[in-house]
PDB file of N, CA and C in Angstrom:
ATOM      1  N   ASP A   1       0.812  -1.196   0.000  1.00  0.00           N
ATOM      2  CA  ASP A   1       0.000   0.000   0.000  1.00  0.00           C
ATOM      3  C   ASP A   1       0.857   1.262   0.000  1.00  0.00           C
ATOM      4  N   GLY A   2       1.970   1.204   0.702  1.00  0.00           N
ATOM      5  CA  GLY A   2       2.860   2.355   0.742  1.00  0.00           C
ATOM      6  C   GLY A   2       3.422   2.681  -0.636  1.00  0.00           C
ATOM      7  N   ASP A   3       3.785   1.636  -1.371  1.00  0.00           N
ATOM      8  CA  ASP A   3       4.303   1.850  -2.724  1.00  0.00           C
ATOM      9  C   ASP A   3       3.215   2.408  -3.638  1.00  0.00           C
ATOM     10  N   HIS A   4       2.005   1.919  -3.468  1.00  0.00           N
ATOM     11  CA  HIS A   4       0.878   2.405  -4.274  1.00  0.00           C
ATOM     12  C   HIS A   4       0.620   3.889  -3.985  1.00  0.00           C
ATOM     13  N   PHE A   5       0.696   4.266  -2.708  1.00  0.00           N
ATOM     14  CA  PHE A   5       0.507   5.668  -2.330  1.00  0.00           C
ATOM     15  C   PHE A   5       1.590   6.545  -2.964  1.00  0.00           C
ATOM     16  N   LYS A   6       2.829   6.105  -2.874  1.00  0.00           N
ATOM     17  CA  LYS A   6       3.932   6.877  -3.457  1.00  0.00           C
ATOM     18  C   LYS A   6       3.742   7.039  -4.965  1.00  0.00           C
ATOM     19  N   GLU A   7       3.299   5.995  -5.617  1.00  0.00           N
ATOM     20  CA  GLU A   7       3.063   6.058  -7.057  1.00  0.00           C
ATOM     21  C   GLU A   7       1.922   7.024  -7.375  1.00  0.00           C
ATOM     22  N   THR A   8       0.873   7.004  -6.555  1.00  0.00           N
ATOM     23  CA  THR A   8      -0.255   7.921  -6.751  1.00  0.00           C
ATOM     24  C   THR A   8       0.202   9.365  -6.602  1.00  0.00           C
ATOM     25  N   VAL A   9       0.978   9.658  -5.578  1.00  0.00           N
ATOM     26  CA  VAL A   9       1.485  11.010  -5.367  1.00  0.00           C
ATOM     27  C   VAL A   9       2.369  11.425  -6.543  1.00  0.00           C
ATOM     28  N   LYS A  10       3.184  10.505  -7.016  1.00  0.00           N
ATOM     29  CA  LYS A  10       4.068  10.799  -8.156  1.00  0.00           C
ATOM     30  C   LYS A  10       3.242  11.153  -9.391  1.00  0.00           C
ATOM     31  N   VAL A  11       2.202  10.391  -9.668  1.00  0.00           N
ATOM     32  CA  VAL A  11       1.358  10.661 -10.835  1.00  0.00           C
ATOM     33  C   VAL A  11       0.616  11.984 -10.668  1.00  0.00           C
ATOM     34  N   LEU A  12       0.112  12.254  -9.466  1.00  0.00           N
ATOM     35  CA  LEU A  12      -0.570  13.523  -9.229  1.00  0.00           C
ATOM     36  C   LEU A  12       0.375  14.707  -9.438  1.00  0.00           C
ATOM     37  N   LYS A  13       1.601  14.575  -8.996  1.00  0.00           N
ATOM     38  CA  LYS A  13       2.587  15.642  -9.206  1.00  0.00           C
ATOM     39  C   LYS A  13       2.867  15.824 -10.693  1.00  0.00           C
ATOM     40  N   THR A  14       2.862  14.725 -11.441  1.00  0.00           N
ATOM     41  CA  THR A  14       3.096  14.799 -12.880  1.00  0.00           C
ATOM     42  C   THR A  14       2.031  15.640 -13.580  1.00  0.00           C
ATOM     43  N   ILE A  15       0.803  15.570 -13.090  1.00  0.00           N
ATOM     44  CA  ILE A  15      -0.276  16.337 -13.729  1.00  0.00           C
ATOM     45  C   ILE A  15      -0.497  17.692 -13.050  1.00  0.00           C
ATOM     46  N   GLY A  16       0.429  18.061 -12.170  1.00  0.00           N
ATOM     47  CA  GLY A  16       0.386  19.402 -11.595  1.00  0.00           C
ATOM     48  C   GLY A  16      -0.295  19.526 -10.245  1.00  0.00           C
ATOM     49  N   VAL A  17      -0.597  18.407  -9.619  1.00  0.00           N
ATOM     50  CA  VAL A  17      -1.222  18.450  -8.298  1.00  0.00           C
ATOM     51  C   VAL A  17      -0.131  18.189  -7.264  1.00  0.00           C
ATOM     52  N   SER A  18       0.305  19.259  -6.615  1.00  0.00           N
ATOM     53  CA  SER A  18       1.355  19.124  -5.602  1.00  0.00           C
ATOM     54  C   SER A  18       1.185  20.224  -4.566  1.00  0.00           C
ATOM     55  N   GLY A  19       1.968  20.153  -3.529  1.00  0.00           N
ATOM     56  CA  GLY A  19       1.941  21.174  -2.484  1.00  0.00           C
ATOM     57  C   GLY A  19       0.577  21.320  -1.837  1.00  0.00           C
ATOM     58  N   ASP A  20       0.084  22.562  -1.777  1.00  0.00           N
ATOM     59  CA  ASP A  20      -1.207  22.831  -1.140  1.00  0.00           C
ATOM     60  C   ASP A  20      -2.361  22.137  -1.851  1.00  0.00           C
ATOM     61  N   LYS A  21      -2.278  22.052  -3.169  1.00  0.00           N
ATOM     62  CA  LYS A  21      -3.346  21.365  -3.920  1.00  0.00           C
ATOM     63  C   LYS A  21      -3.421  19.900  -3.519  1.00  0.00           C
ATOM     64  N   LEU A  22      -2.282  19.262  -3.378  1.00  0.00           N
ATOM     65  CA  LEU A  22      -2.242  17.861  -2.982  1.00  0.00           C
ATOM     66  C   LEU A  22      -2.772  17.681  -1.569  1.00  0.00           C
ATOM     67  N   ASN A  23      -2.361  18.568  -0.668  1.00  0.00           N
ATOM     68  CA  ASN A  23      -2.859  18.499   0.715  1.00  0.00           C
ATOM     69  C   ASN A  23      -4.370  18.697   0.767  1.00  0.00           C
ATOM     70  N   THR A  24      -4.885  19.639  -0.016  1.00  0.00           N
ATOM     71  CA  THR A  24      -6.327  19.887  -0.052  1.00  0.00           C
ATOM     72  C   THR A  24      -7.069  18.676  -0.594  1.00  0.00           C
ATOM     73  N   LEU A  25      -6.535  18.057  -1.625  1.00  0.00           N
ATOM     74  CA  LEU A  25      -7.150  16.857  -2.187  1.00  0.00           C
ATOM     75  C   LEU A  25      -7.212  15.741  -1.151  1.00  0.00           C
ATOM     76  N   PHE A  26      -6.106  15.479  -0.473  1.00  0.00           N
ATOM     77  CA  PHE A  26      -6.089  14.420   0.534  1.00  0.00           C
ATOM     78  C   PHE A  26      -6.994  14.749   1.717  1.00  0.00           C
ATOM     79  N   ARG A  27      -7.069  16.018   2.079  1.00  0.00           N
ATOM     80  CA  ARG A  27      -7.968  16.420   3.160  1.00  0.00           C
ATOM     81  C   ARG A  27      -9.426  16.166   2.759  1.00  0.00           C
ATOM     82  N   ALA A  28      -9.786  16.501   1.528  1.00  0.00           N
ATOM     83  CA  ALA A  28     -11.153  16.272   1.045  1.00  0.00           C
ATOM     84  C   ALA A  28     -11.481  14.784   1.037  1.00  0.00           C
ATOM     85  N   ILE A  29     -10.541  13.968   0.605  1.00  0.00           N
ATOM     86  CA  ILE A  29     -10.757  12.508   0.610  1.00  0.00           C
ATOM     87  C   ILE A  29     -10.923  12.010   2.037  1.00  0.00           C
ATOM     88  N   ALA A  30     -10.108  12.508   2.942  1.00  0.00           N
ATOM     89  CA  ALA A  30     -10.208  12.099   4.351  1.00  0.00           C
ATOM     90  C   ALA A  30     -11.554  12.494   4.947  1.00  0.00           C
ATOM     91  N   ILE A  31     -12.063  13.675   4.585  1.00  0.00           N
ATOM     92  CA  ILE A  31     -13.358  14.130   5.093  1.00  0.00           C
ATOM     93  C   ILE A  31     -14.470  13.215   4.601  1.00  0.00           C
ATOM     94  N   VAL A  32     -14.439  12.882   3.323  1.00  0.00           N
ATOM     95  CA  VAL A  32     -15.468  11.992   2.771  1.00  0.00           C
ATOM     96  C   VAL A  32     -15.418  10.625   3.460  1.00  0.00           C
ATOM     97  N   LEU A  33     -14.217  10.090   3.639  1.00  0.00           N
ATOM     98  CA  LEU A  33     -14.084   8.793   4.312  1.00  0.00           C
ATOM     99  C   LEU A  33     -14.536   8.867   5.761  1.00  0.00           C
ATOM    100  N   GLN A  34     -14.185   9.944   6.438  1.00  0.00           N
ATOM    101  CA  GLN A  34     -14.573  10.111   7.837  1.00  0.00           C
ATOM    102  C   GLN A  34     -16.090  10.250   7.967  1.00  0.00           C
ATOM    103  N   LEU A  35     -16.731  10.939   7.021  1.00  0.00           N
ATOM    104  CA  LEU A  35     -18.193  11.048   7.049  1.00  0.00           C
ATOM    105  C   LEU A  35     -18.846   9.673   6.975  1.00  0.00           C
ATOM    106  N   GLY A  36     -18.215   8.760   6.255  1.00  0.00           N
ATOM    107  CA  GLY A  36     -18.732   7.396   6.172  1.00  0.00           C
ATOM    108  C   GLY A  36     -18.669   6.655   7.494  1.00  0.00           C
ATOM    109  N   ASN A  37     -17.801   7.090   8.398  1.00  0.00           N
ATOM    110  CA  ASN A  37     -17.691   6.454   9.712  1.00  0.00           C
ATOM    111  C   ASN A  37     -18.674   7.019  10.733  1.00  0.00           C
ATOM    112  N   CYS A  38     -19.301   8.132  10.400  1.00  0.00           N
ATOM    113  CA  CYS A  38     -20.208   8.780  11.345  1.00  0.00           C
ATOM    114  C   CYS A  38     -21.571   8.106  11.318  1.00  0.00           C
ATOM    115  N   SER A  39     -22.138   7.922  12.487  1.00  0.00           N
ATOM    116  CA  SER A  39     -23.469   7.323  12.556  1.00  0.00           C
ATOM    117  C   SER A  39     -24.281   8.008  13.655  1.00  0.00           C
ATOM    118  N   PHE A  40     -25.582   7.827  13.549  1.00  0.00           N
ATOM    119  CA  PHE A  40     -26.531   8.499  14.429  1.00  0.00           C
ATOM    120  C   PHE A  40     -27.472   7.476  15.040  1.00  0.00           C
ATOM    121  N   MET A  41     -28.080   7.871  16.149  1.00  0.00           N
ATOM    122  CA  MET A  41     -29.096   7.037  16.786  1.00  0.00           C
ATOM    123  C   MET A  41     -30.168   7.942  17.365  1.00  0.00           C
ATOM    124  N   LYS A  42     -31.279   7.335  17.742  1.00  0.00           N
ATOM    125  CA  LYS A  42     -32.347   8.111  18.372  1.00  0.00           C
ATOM    126  C   LYS A  42     -31.860   8.671  19.692  1.00  0.00           C
ATOM    127  N   ASP A  43     -32.284   9.875  19.982  1.00  0.00           N
ATOM    128  CA  ASP A  43     -31.992  10.481  21.271  1.00  0.00           C
ATOM    129  C   ASP A  43     -32.776   9.695  22.319  1.00  0.00           C
ATOM    130  N   PRO A  44     -32.114   9.141  23.337  1.00  0.00           N
ATOM    131  CA  PRO A  44     -32.828   8.354  24.345  1.00  0.00           C
ATOM    132  C   PRO A  44     -33.936   9.134  25.061  1.00  0.00           C
ATOM    133  N   SER A  45     -33.800  10.444  25.111  1.00  0.00           N
ATOM    134  CA  SER A  45     -34.802  11.242  25.817  1.00  0.00           C
ATOM    135  C   SER A  45     -35.901  11.769  24.897  1.00  0.00           C
ATOM    136  N   ASP A  46     -35.707  11.647  23.571  1.00  0.00           N
ATOM    137  CA  ASP A  46     -36.698  12.181  22.629  1.00  0.00           C
ATOM    138  C   ASP A  46     -36.558  11.453  21.295  1.00  0.00           C
ATOM    139  N   ASP A  47     -37.543  10.622  20.956  1.00  0.00           N
ATOM    140  CA  ASP A  47     -37.483   9.829  19.723  1.00  0.00           C
ATOM    141  C   ASP A  47     -37.480  10.676  18.453  1.00  0.00           C
ATOM    142  N   ASP A  48     -37.903  11.927  18.554  1.00  0.00           N
ATOM    143  CA  ASP A  48     -37.945  12.790  17.376  1.00  0.00           C
ATOM    144  C   ASP A  48     -36.606  13.448  17.067  1.00  0.00           C
ATOM    145  N   LYS A  49     -35.625  13.240  17.919  1.00  0.00           N
ATOM    146  CA  LYS A  49     -34.301  13.831  17.730  1.00  0.00           C
ATOM    147  C   LYS A  49     -33.271  12.727  17.508  1.00  0.00           C
ATOM    148  N   SER A  50     -32.143  13.125  16.972  1.00  0.00           N
ATOM    149  CA  SER A  50     -31.048  12.172  16.828  1.00  0.00           C
ATOM    150  C   SER A  50     -29.815  12.696  17.552  1.00  0.00           C
ATOM    151  N   VAL A  51     -28.957  11.773  17.918  1.00  0.00           N
ATOM    152  CA  VAL A  51     -27.678  12.109  18.535  1.00  0.00           C
ATOM    153  C   VAL A  51     -26.600  11.295  17.831  1.00  0.00           C
ATOM    154  N   VAL A  52     -25.372  11.728  17.970  1.00  0.00           N
ATOM    155  CA  VAL A  52     -24.265  10.997  17.351  1.00  0.00           C
ATOM    156  C   VAL A  52     -23.914   9.787  18.205  1.00  0.00           C
ATOM    157  N   ARG A  53     -23.487   8.724  17.544  1.00  0.00           N
ATOM    158  CA  ARG A  53     -23.092   7.519  18.285  1.00  0.00           C
ATOM    159  C   ARG A  53     -21.712   7.664  18.918  1.00  0.00           C
ATOM    160  N   ASP A  54     -20.783   8.269  18.196  1.00  0.00           N
ATOM    161  CA  ASP A  54     -19.407   8.350  18.672  1.00  0.00           C
ATOM    162  C   ASP A  54     -18.896   9.785  18.527  1.00  0.00           C
ATOM    163  N   LYS A  55     -18.812  10.479  19.632  1.00  0.00           N
ATOM    164  CA  LYS A  55     -18.380  11.885  19.605  1.00  0.00           C
ATOM    165  C   LYS A  55     -16.942  12.032  19.128  1.00  0.00           C
ATOM    166  N   LYS A  56     -16.107  11.017  19.351  1.00  0.00           N
ATOM    167  CA  LYS A  56     -14.713  11.097  18.911  1.00  0.00           C
ATOM    168  C   LYS A  56     -14.629  11.200  17.389  1.00  0.00           C
ATOM    169  N   GLU A  57     -15.498  10.480  16.691  1.00  0.00           N
ATOM    170  CA  GLU A  57     -15.515  10.544  15.223  1.00  0.00           C
ATOM    171  C   GLU A  57     -15.835  11.966  14.764  1.00  0.00           C
ATOM    172  N   PHE A  58     -16.809  12.594  15.411  1.00  0.00           N
ATOM    173  CA  PHE A  58     -17.210  13.942  15.030  1.00  0.00           C
ATOM    174  C   PHE A  58     -16.156  14.970  15.421  1.00  0.00           C
ATOM    175  N   ALA A  59     -15.477  14.744  16.521  1.00  0.00           N
ATOM    176  CA  ALA A  59     -14.407  15.660  16.917  1.00  0.00           C
ATOM    177  C   ALA A  59     -13.274  15.623  15.893  1.00  0.00           C
ATOM    178  N   ALA A  60     -12.907  14.424  15.453  1.00  0.00           N
ATOM    179  CA  ALA A  60     -11.842  14.278  14.455  1.00  0.00           C
ATOM    180  C   ALA A  60     -12.271  14.889  13.124  1.00  0.00           C
ATOM    181  N   LEU A  61     -13.513  14.655  12.735  1.00  0.00           N
ATOM    182  CA  LEU A  61     -14.015  15.200  11.478  1.00  0.00           C
ATOM    183  C   LEU A  61     -14.087  16.722  11.535  1.00  0.00           C
ATOM    184  N   GLY A  62     -14.588  17.253  12.622  1.00  0.00           N
ATOM    185  CA  GLY A  62     -14.661  18.705  12.782  1.00  0.00           C
ATOM    186  C   GLY A  62     -13.286  19.344  12.708  1.00  0.00           C
ATOM    187  N   GLU A  63     -12.314  18.721  13.335  1.00  0.00           N
ATOM    188  CA  GLU A  63     -10.945  19.250  13.294  1.00  0.00           C
ATOM    189  C   GLU A  63     -10.419  19.242  11.863  1.00  0.00           C
ATOM    190  N   CYS A  64     -10.663  18.179  11.146  1.00  0.00           N
ATOM    191  CA  CYS A  64     -10.202  18.076   9.758  1.00  0.00           C
ATOM    192  C   CYS A  64     -10.886  19.121   8.870  1.00  0.00           C
ATOM    193  N   MET A  65     -12.156  19.393   9.157  1.00  0.00           N
ATOM    194  CA  MET A  65     -12.917  20.356   8.356  1.00  0.00           C
ATOM    195  C   MET A  65     -12.677  21.799   8.798  1.00  0.00           C
ATOM    196  N   GLY A  66     -12.142  21.982   9.987  1.00  0.00           N
ATOM    197  CA  GLY A  66     -11.907  23.331  10.497  1.00  0.00           C
ATOM    198  C   GLY A  66     -13.151  23.953  11.112  1.00  0.00           C
ATOM    199  N   VAL A  67     -14.048  23.108  11.634  1.00  0.00           N
ATOM    200  CA  VAL A  67     -15.251  23.589  12.313  1.00  0.00           C
ATOM    201  C   VAL A  67     -15.328  22.928  13.683  1.00  0.00           C
ATOM    202  N   THR A  68     -16.149  23.493  14.548  1.00  0.00           N
ATOM    203  CA  THR A  68     -16.283  22.892  15.872  1.00  0.00           C
ATOM    204  C   THR A  68     -17.157  21.649  15.790  1.00  0.00           C
ATOM    205  N   GLU A  69     -16.948  20.761  16.725  1.00  0.00           N
ATOM    206  CA  GLU A  69     -17.764  19.546  16.793  1.00  0.00           C
ATOM    207  C   GLU A  69     -19.238  19.909  16.955  1.00  0.00           C
ATOM    208  N   ALA A  70     -19.524  20.906  17.792  1.00  0.00           N
ATOM    209  CA  ALA A  70     -20.911  21.313  18.032  1.00  0.00           C
ATOM    210  C   ALA A  70     -21.579  21.819  16.757  1.00  0.00           C
ATOM    211  N   ASP A  71     -20.864  22.615  15.967  1.00  0.00           N
ATOM    212  CA  ASP A  71     -21.427  23.113  14.710  1.00  0.00           C
ATOM    213  C   ASP A  71     -21.674  21.977  13.728  1.00  0.00           C
ATOM    214  N   LEU A  72     -20.742  21.042  13.658  1.00  0.00           N
ATOM    215  CA  LEU A  72     -20.889  19.906  12.759  1.00  0.00           C
ATOM    216  C   LEU A  72     -22.083  19.044  13.149  1.00  0.00           C
ATOM    217  N   VAL A  73     -22.201  18.742  14.427  1.00  0.00           N
ATOM    218  CA  VAL A  73     -23.329  17.938  14.898  1.00  0.00           C
ATOM    219  C   VAL A  73     -24.642  18.667  14.631  1.00  0.00           C
ATOM    220  N   ALA A  74     -24.675  19.959  14.893  1.00  0.00           N
ATOM    221  CA  ALA A  74     -25.903  20.733  14.672  1.00  0.00           C
ATOM    222  C   ALA A  74     -26.309  20.724  13.204  1.00  0.00           C
ATOM    223  N   CYS A  75     -25.345  20.861  12.301  1.00  0.00           N
ATOM    224  CA  CYS A  75     -25.715  20.933  10.881  1.00  0.00           C
ATOM    225  C   CYS A  75     -26.182  19.590  10.340  1.00  0.00           C
ATOM    226  N   LEU A  76     -25.836  18.487  11.013  1.00  0.00           N
ATOM    227  CA  LEU A  76     -26.272  17.177  10.549  1.00  0.00           C
ATOM    228  C   LEU A  76     -27.461  16.611  11.315  1.00  0.00           C
ATOM    229  N   THR A  77     -27.816  17.215  12.436  1.00  0.00           N
ATOM    230  CA  THR A  77     -28.932  16.692  13.236  1.00  0.00           C
ATOM    231  C   THR A  77     -30.123  17.644  13.295  1.00  0.00           C
ATOM    232  N   GLU A  78     -30.003  18.807  12.654  1.00  0.00           N
ATOM    233  CA  GLU A  78     -31.090  19.786  12.649  1.00  0.00           C
ATOM    234  C   GLU A  78     -31.192  20.400  11.261  1.00  0.00           C
ATOM    235  N   ARG A  79     -32.344  20.915  10.970  1.00  0.00           N
ATOM    236  CA  ARG A  79     -32.460  21.750   9.779  1.00  0.00           C
ATOM    237  C   ARG A  79     -33.069  23.067  10.211  1.00  0.00           C
ATOM    238  N   THR A  80     -32.745  24.090   9.486  1.00  0.00           N
ATOM    239  CA  THR A  80     -33.221  25.425   9.820  1.00  0.00           C
ATOM    240  C   THR A  80     -34.400  25.769   8.928  1.00  0.00           C
ATOM    241  N   MET A  81     -35.491  26.173   9.551  1.00  0.00           N
ATOM    242  CA  MET A  81     -36.696  26.585   8.829  1.00  0.00           C
ATOM    243  C   MET A  81     -36.823  28.098   8.970  1.00  0.00           C
ATOM    244  N   LYS A  82     -37.125  28.753   7.865  1.00  0.00           N
ATOM    245  CA  LYS A  82     -37.304  30.202   7.888  1.00  0.00           C
ATOM    246  C   LYS A  82     -38.700  30.550   7.391  1.00  0.00           C
ATOM    247  N   THR A  83     -39.322  31.465   8.094  1.00  0.00           N
ATOM    248  CA  THR A  83     -40.573  32.046   7.639  1.00  0.00           C
ATOM    249  C   THR A  83     -40.296  33.517   7.374  1.00  0.00           C
ATOM    250  N   ARG A  84     -41.298  34.250   7.076  1.00  0.00           N
ATOM    251  CA  ARG A  84     -41.074  35.679   6.830  1.00  0.00           C
ATOM    252  C   ARG A  84     -40.526  36.404   8.046  1.00  0.00           C
ATOM    253  N   THR A  85     -40.966  35.984   9.221  1.00  0.00           N
ATOM    254  CA  THR A  85     -40.628  36.756  10.416  1.00  0.00           C
ATOM    255  C   THR A  85     -39.715  36.030  11.402  1.00  0.00           C
ATOM    256  N   GLU A  86     -39.527  34.731  11.236  1.00  0.00           N
ATOM    257  CA  GLU A  86     -38.715  34.024  12.224  1.00  0.00           C
ATOM    258  C   GLU A  86     -37.940  32.866  11.607  1.00  0.00           C
ATOM    259  N   THR A  87     -36.942  32.423  12.352  1.00  0.00           N
ATOM    260  CA  THR A  87     -36.122  31.279  11.984  1.00  0.00           C
ATOM    261  C   THR A  87     -36.122  30.327  13.170  1.00  0.00           C
ATOM    262  N   TYR A  88     -36.295  29.048  12.886  1.00  0.00           N
ATOM    263  CA  TYR A  88     -36.272  28.069  13.970  1.00  0.00           C
ATOM    264  C   TYR A  88     -35.640  26.774  13.493  1.00  0.00           C
ATOM    265  N   LYS A  89     -35.193  25.985  14.452  1.00  0.00           N
ATOM    266  CA  LYS A  89     -34.516  24.716  14.183  1.00  0.00           C
ATOM    267  C   LYS A  89     -35.497  23.564  14.339  1.00  0.00           C
ATOM    268  N   VAL A  90     -35.411  22.604  13.424  1.00  0.00           N
ATOM    269  CA  VAL A  90     -36.241  21.403  13.475  1.00  0.00           C
ATOM    270  C   VAL A  90     -35.296  20.212  13.612  1.00  0.00           C
ATOM    271  N   PRO A  91     -35.464  19.391  14.645  1.00  0.00           N
ATOM    272  CA  PRO A  91     -34.583  18.233  14.801  1.00  0.00           C
ATOM    273  C   PRO A  91     -34.851  17.188  13.726  1.00  0.00           C
ATOM    274  N   LEU A  92     -33.797  16.477  13.337  1.00  0.00           N
ATOM    275  CA  LEU A  92     -33.919  15.401  12.368  1.00  0.00           C
ATOM    276  C   LEU A  92     -33.903  14.055  13.072  1.00  0.00           C
ATOM    277  N   HIS A  93     -34.652  13.104  12.529  1.00  0.00           N
ATOM    278  CA  HIS A  93     -34.596  11.728  13.021  1.00  0.00           C
ATOM    279  C   HIS A  93     -33.228  11.151  12.663  1.00  0.00           C
ATOM    280  N   ALA A  94     -32.877  10.048  13.285  1.00  0.00           N
ATOM    281  CA  ALA A  94     -31.561   9.445  13.070  1.00  0.00           C
ATOM    282  C   ALA A  94     -31.328   9.094  11.605  1.00  0.00           C
ATOM    283  N   ASP A  95     -32.344   8.539  10.931  1.00  0.00           N
ATOM    284  CA  ASP A  95     -32.151   8.176   9.528  1.00  0.00           C
ATOM    285  C   ASP A  95     -31.988   9.409   8.640  1.00  0.00           C
ATOM    286  N   ALA A  96     -32.689  10.480   8.955  1.00  0.00           N
ATOM    287  CA  ALA A  96     -32.544  11.728   8.188  1.00  0.00           C
ATOM    288  C   ALA A  96     -31.172  12.345   8.433  1.00  0.00           C
ATOM    289  N   SER A  97     -30.657  12.242   9.642  1.00  0.00           N
ATOM    290  CA  SER A  97     -29.309  12.743   9.941  1.00  0.00           C
ATOM    291  C   SER A  97     -28.264  11.949   9.169  1.00  0.00           C
ATOM    292  N   GLN A  98     -28.448  10.633   9.097  1.00  0.00           N
ATOM    293  CA  GLN A  98     -27.520   9.790   8.334  1.00  0.00           C
ATOM    294  C   GLN A  98     -27.572  10.144   6.861  1.00  0.00           C
ATOM    295  N   GLU A  99     -28.761  10.383   6.350  1.00  0.00           N
ATOM    296  CA  GLU A  99     -28.905  10.783   4.946  1.00  0.00           C
ATOM    297  C   GLU A  99     -28.229  12.132   4.691  1.00  0.00           C
ATOM    298  N   ALA A 100     -28.324  13.040   5.643  1.00  0.00           N
ATOM    299  CA  ALA A 100     -27.677  14.351   5.502  1.00  0.00           C
ATOM    300  C   ALA A 100     -26.154  14.183   5.437  1.00  0.00           C
ATOM    301  N   ALA A 101     -25.615  13.334   6.287  1.00  0.00           N
ATOM    302  CA  ALA A 101     -24.166  13.087   6.281  1.00  0.00           C
ATOM    303  C   ALA A 101     -23.738  12.430   4.963  1.00  0.00           C
ATOM    304  N   ASP A 102     -24.531  11.471   4.508  1.00  0.00           N
ATOM    305  CA  ASP A 102     -24.209  10.793   3.253  1.00  0.00           C
ATOM    306  C   ASP A 102     -24.288  11.763   2.074  1.00  0.00           C
ATOM    307  N   ALA A 103     -25.279  12.620   2.069  1.00  0.00           N
ATOM    308  CA  ALA A 103     -25.432  13.598   0.986  1.00  0.00           C
ATOM    309  C   ALA A 103     -24.280  14.586   0.999  1.00  0.00           C
ATOM    310  N   PHE A 104     -23.828  14.973   2.182  1.00  0.00           N
ATOM    311  CA  PHE A 104     -22.715  15.907   2.291  1.00  0.00           C
ATOM    312  C   PHE A 104     -21.433  15.300   1.736  1.00  0.00           C
ATOM    313  N   ALA A 105     -21.269  13.987   1.986  1.00  0.00           N
ATOM    314  CA  ALA A 105     -20.079  13.291   1.486  1.00  0.00           C
ATOM    315  C   ALA A 105     -20.106  13.250  -0.021  1.00  0.00           C
TER     316      ALA A 105
END
């Protein structure tokens, strides 16, 4: 696998992907892969809400994305509804939260 990685980096450099571009590409791939590891479950105190199964996964993903864990969890477990005069948050069920994470990936 190490040799395959080195060959991939070599080919990417050949087509002009190096330095910051290469780092950004690998970061994007890592984010997509990490999103695949994230999962949700029903909130034990409220069946209409979802919570994350493993906070460590979200902390690592948030760090990689450059956002806080709380912001990341909020954007995947809630949706924002706007009317003419107000804005409010609507909790997502666990399956809808998983779909949001999958769609983001």
